[in-house]
């Protein structure tokens, strides 16, 4: 039996002072849909339209960490570190995690390098989110 290639839906990005792997597999996607009350496609569209909720961002990152191999306890602790920070600092990461689950991740690109977080079918009419120079790569404690 051949191994399943899940690399197309993984995102490697700096978060909490380290390079980490994020992935929404079916279980994490289902949990995200349950927690937010909407489907993964709607979450994807809300993020691109900047009509997201805090759960869309924080639960995506937490579940993405879990899907990438971080324990549930550590993923929760890592995300909780940043709950007092502006949500917009973390939207690009959350959007790239969802986009990778929906469209696949471009090989060799980090979560916040180039490109828009908006779905390709709808051009963005809002300014770009802050660059990855924000707190994504910095540990606060």
Foldseek 3Di string as FASTA:
>chain_A
DDDDDPQQLWAFAAAQQDTAIFACDPVLQVVLCVVVVHHLVVLLQCLQQVNHDLSLQLSLQLSRRVVRPDDNVVSVVRSVQCPVPDSLLRSQQSLLNSCCHVPTHDPPDHSFPDDASHPPVDDHPDDGGDGNVPCRNHHDD
